[in-house]
Amino acid sequence: MGKLPVVSGKELVRRLEKVGFQLVRQEGSFMILRREFPKITVSVPNHKELKRGTLKNILRQINLPIDEFKRLK
């Protein structure tokens, strides 16, 4: 497991779309993404720079290892 990269909310959405998530709506500054199988919904803040703890929690929710996330560029 490596160090978490610094990414924006929009960059995180682009990477999550590569693993099957779709942007379903935006409520305020939060983008809501959903994947059908296995069914998971996650909200991503639309910030210029996500805090590492926020990114880590999102990756934990969707069960995506950090190393695999880094390869999604």
N, C-alpha and C. Protein backbone atom coordinates (compact mmCIF):
# COMPACT_ATOMS: atom_id res chain seq x y z
N MET A 1 0.85 -1.18 0.00
CA MET A 1 0.00 0.00 0.00
C MET A 1 0.89 1.23 0.00
N GLY A 2 0.65 2.13 -0.92
CA GLY A 2 1.45 3.32 -1.04
C GLY A 2 0.77 4.53 -0.43
N LYS A 3 1.40 5.66 -0.62
CA LYS A 3 0.87 6.91 -0.12
C LYS A 3 -0.29 7.37 -1.01
N LEU A 4 -1.30 7.95 -0.39
CA LEU A 4 -2.45 8.43 -1.15
C LEU A 4 -2.08 9.65 -1.99
N PRO A 5 -2.50 9.66 -3.25
CA PRO A 5 -2.25 10.84 -4.08
C PRO A 5 -3.22 11.97 -3.73
N VAL A 6 -2.86 13.18 -4.08
CA VAL A 6 -3.75 14.33 -3.90
C VAL A 6 -4.55 14.49 -5.18
N VAL A 7 -5.89 14.39 -5.08
CA VAL A 7 -6.75 14.51 -6.25
C VAL A 7 -7.91 15.44 -5.94
N SER A 8 -8.51 15.96 -6.99
CA SER A 8 -9.71 16.79 -6.82
C SER A 8 -10.94 15.89 -6.84
N GLY A 9 -12.07 16.44 -6.49
CA GLY A 9 -13.31 15.69 -6.54
C GLY A 9 -13.64 15.24 -7.94
N LYS A 10 -13.43 16.11 -8.93
CA LYS A 10 -13.72 15.77 -10.32
C LYS A 10 -12.79 14.67 -10.82
N GLU A 11 -11.53 14.71 -10.41
CA GLU A 11 -10.58 13.67 -10.80
C GLU A 11 -10.99 12.32 -10.20
N LEU A 12 -11.44 12.34 -8.95
CA LEU A 12 -11.91 11.11 -8.32
C LEU A 12 -13.11 10.53 -9.07
N VAL A 13 -14.03 11.39 -9.48
CA VAL A 13 -15.20 10.94 -10.23
C VAL A 13 -14.75 10.30 -11.55
N ARG A 14 -13.80 10.92 -12.26
CA ARG A 14 -13.30 10.35 -13.52
C ARG A 14 -12.71 8.96 -13.31
N ARG A 15 -11.95 8.80 -12.22
CA ARG A 15 -11.35 7.50 -11.95
C ARG A 15 -12.39 6.46 -11.54
N LEU A 16 -13.38 6.87 -10.77
CA LEU A 16 -14.40 5.93 -10.34
C LEU A 16 -15.29 5.49 -11.50
N GLU A 17 -15.45 6.36 -12.49
CA GLU A 17 -16.24 5.98 -13.68
C GLU A 17 -15.56 4.84 -14.43
N LYS A 18 -14.24 4.72 -14.32
CA LYS A 18 -13.50 3.64 -14.98
C LYS A 18 -13.76 2.28 -14.33
N VAL A 19 -14.25 2.28 -13.08
CA VAL A 19 -14.55 1.01 -12.40
C VAL A 19 -16.05 0.79 -12.27
N GLY A 20 -16.84 1.46 -13.11
CA GLY A 20 -18.26 1.16 -13.19
C GLY A 20 -19.21 2.11 -12.49
N PHE A 21 -18.72 3.18 -11.90
CA PHE A 21 -19.61 4.14 -11.24
C PHE A 21 -20.14 5.13 -12.27
N GLN A 22 -21.36 5.63 -12.01
CA GLN A 22 -21.95 6.66 -12.87
C GLN A 22 -22.40 7.81 -11.99
N LEU A 23 -22.20 9.03 -12.48
CA LEU A 23 -22.67 10.21 -11.80
C LEU A 23 -24.18 10.28 -12.00
N VAL A 24 -24.94 10.22 -10.88
CA VAL A 24 -26.39 10.23 -11.01
C VAL A 24 -26.98 11.59 -10.72
N ARG A 25 -26.34 12.38 -9.85
CA ARG A 25 -26.84 13.73 -9.57
C ARG A 25 -25.79 14.49 -8.78
N GLN A 26 -26.01 15.80 -8.67
CA GLN A 26 -25.16 16.64 -7.83
C GLN A 26 -26.07 17.44 -6.92
N GLU A 27 -25.80 17.36 -5.64
CA GLU A 27 -26.57 18.10 -4.65
C GLU A 27 -25.62 19.07 -3.95
N GLY A 28 -25.75 20.34 -4.28
CA GLY A 28 -24.84 21.33 -3.70
C GLY A 28 -23.43 21.06 -4.18
N SER A 29 -22.51 20.89 -3.24
CA SER A 29 -21.12 20.64 -3.62
C SER A 29 -20.77 19.16 -3.57
N PHE A 30 -21.78 18.28 -3.52
CA PHE A 30 -21.53 16.85 -3.47
C PHE A 30 -22.04 16.17 -4.73
N MET A 31 -21.17 15.34 -5.34
CA MET A 31 -21.53 14.56 -6.51
C MET A 31 -21.87 13.15 -6.04
N ILE A 32 -23.02 12.65 -6.44
CA ILE A 32 -23.49 11.34 -6.02
C ILE A 32 -23.26 10.35 -7.16
N LEU A 33 -22.51 9.29 -6.86
CA LEU A 33 -22.20 8.26 -7.86
C LEU A 33 -22.81 6.94 -7.42
N ARG A 34 -23.17 6.12 -8.42
CA ARG A 34 -23.77 4.82 -8.11
C ARG A 34 -23.20 3.78 -9.05
N ARG A 35 -23.03 2.58 -8.49
CA ARG A 35 -22.64 1.41 -9.28
C ARG A 35 -23.71 0.35 -9.03
N GLU A 36 -24.14 -0.33 -10.07
CA GLU A 36 -25.23 -1.28 -9.96
C GLU A 36 -24.83 -2.62 -9.36
N PHE A 37 -23.65 -3.15 -9.74
CA PHE A 37 -23.26 -4.45 -9.19
C PHE A 37 -21.82 -4.44 -8.75
N PRO A 38 -21.53 -4.70 -7.50
CA PRO A 38 -22.50 -4.72 -6.39
C PRO A 38 -23.02 -3.31 -6.15
N LYS A 39 -24.26 -3.20 -5.74
CA LYS A 39 -24.92 -1.89 -5.62
C LYS A 39 -24.27 -1.06 -4.51
N ILE A 40 -23.65 0.04 -4.91
CA ILE A 40 -22.97 0.95 -3.98
C ILE A 40 -23.27 2.38 -4.42
N THR A 41 -23.59 3.23 -3.46
CA THR A 41 -23.76 4.66 -3.71
C THR A 41 -22.75 5.39 -2.84
N VAL A 42 -22.07 6.37 -3.42
CA VAL A 42 -21.06 7.12 -2.69
C VAL A 42 -21.17 8.59 -3.07
N SER A 43 -20.92 9.46 -2.09
CA SER A 43 -20.93 10.90 -2.38
C SER A 43 -19.50 11.42 -2.33
N VAL A 44 -19.17 12.26 -3.31
CA VAL A 44 -17.83 12.82 -3.45
C VAL A 44 -17.94 14.33 -3.39
N PRO A 45 -17.22 14.97 -2.46
CA PRO A 45 -17.26 16.44 -2.43
C PRO A 45 -16.56 17.03 -3.65
N ASN A 46 -17.14 18.07 -4.22
CA ASN A 46 -16.57 18.72 -5.39
C ASN A 46 -15.59 19.80 -4.94
N HIS A 47 -14.47 19.37 -4.39
CA HIS A 47 -13.44 20.28 -3.90
C HIS A 47 -12.24 20.23 -4.83
N LYS A 48 -11.46 21.29 -4.83
CA LYS A 48 -10.26 21.33 -5.67
C LYS A 48 -9.24 20.31 -5.20
N GLU A 49 -9.19 20.05 -3.90
CA GLU A 49 -8.25 19.10 -3.34
C GLU A 49 -8.94 18.36 -2.19
N LEU A 50 -9.08 17.04 -2.35
CA LEU A 50 -9.72 16.24 -1.30
C LEU A 50 -8.71 15.96 -0.19
N LYS A 51 -9.17 16.00 1.04
CA LYS A 51 -8.31 15.63 2.15
C LYS A 51 -8.03 14.14 2.05
N ARG A 52 -6.85 13.74 2.50
CA ARG A 52 -6.46 12.33 2.39
C ARG A 52 -7.40 11.43 3.17
N GLY A 53 -7.88 11.88 4.32
CA GLY A 53 -8.81 11.07 5.11
C GLY A 53 -10.12 10.86 4.39
N THR A 54 -10.61 11.88 3.68
CA THR A 54 -11.84 11.78 2.91
C THR A 54 -11.67 10.77 1.78
N LEU A 55 -10.56 10.89 1.06
CA LEU A 55 -10.28 9.96 -0.04
C LEU A 55 -10.16 8.53 0.48
N LYS A 56 -9.47 8.36 1.59
CA LYS A 56 -9.29 7.03 2.17
C LYS A 56 -10.63 6.42 2.56
N ASN A 57 -11.52 7.22 3.15
CA ASN A 57 -12.84 6.72 3.54
C ASN A 57 -13.68 6.33 2.33
N ILE A 58 -13.61 7.12 1.26
CA ILE A 58 -14.37 6.79 0.05
C ILE A 58 -13.86 5.48 -0.55
N LEU A 59 -12.54 5.32 -0.62
CA LEU A 59 -11.96 4.09 -1.17
C LEU A 59 -12.33 2.89 -0.30
N ARG A 60 -12.39 3.08 1.00
CA ARG A 60 -12.77 2.01 1.91
C ARG A 60 -14.24 1.63 1.69
N GLN A 61 -15.10 2.63 1.50
CA GLN A 61 -16.53 2.36 1.28
C GLN A 61 -16.76 1.52 0.03
N ILE A 62 -16.01 1.78 -1.02
CA ILE A 62 -16.23 1.06 -2.28
C ILE A 62 -15.30 -0.14 -2.42
N ASN A 63 -14.50 -0.41 -1.40
CA ASN A 63 -13.61 -1.57 -1.37
C ASN A 63 -12.62 -1.56 -2.54
N LEU A 64 -11.95 -0.42 -2.73
CA LEU A 64 -10.97 -0.26 -3.80
C LEU A 64 -9.60 -0.01 -3.17
N PRO A 65 -8.64 -0.93 -3.35
CA PRO A 65 -7.30 -0.74 -2.78
C PRO A 65 -6.61 0.50 -3.36
N ILE A 66 -5.76 1.11 -2.56
CA ILE A 66 -5.05 2.33 -2.97
C ILE A 66 -4.19 2.09 -4.20
N ASP A 67 -3.49 0.95 -4.25
CA ASP A 67 -2.64 0.66 -5.40
C ASP A 67 -3.45 0.56 -6.69
N GLU A 68 -4.63 -0.05 -6.62
CA GLU A 68 -5.49 -0.15 -7.80
C GLU A 68 -6.03 1.23 -8.19
N PHE A 69 -6.34 2.06 -7.18
CA PHE A 69 -6.80 3.41 -7.45
C PHE A 69 -5.74 4.22 -8.19
N LYS A 70 -4.49 4.07 -7.79
CA LYS A 70 -3.40 4.81 -8.44
C LYS A 70 -3.25 4.42 -9.92
N ARG A 71 -3.54 3.17 -10.26
CA ARG A 71 -3.40 2.70 -11.63
C ARG A 71 -4.51 3.19 -12.55
N LEU A 72 -5.55 3.79 -11.99
CA LEU A 72 -6.71 4.22 -12.79
C LEU A 72 -6.52 5.54 -13.52
N LYS A 73 -5.34 6.09 -13.55
CA LYS A 73 -5.11 7.37 -14.19
C LYS A 73 -5.63 7.38 -15.55
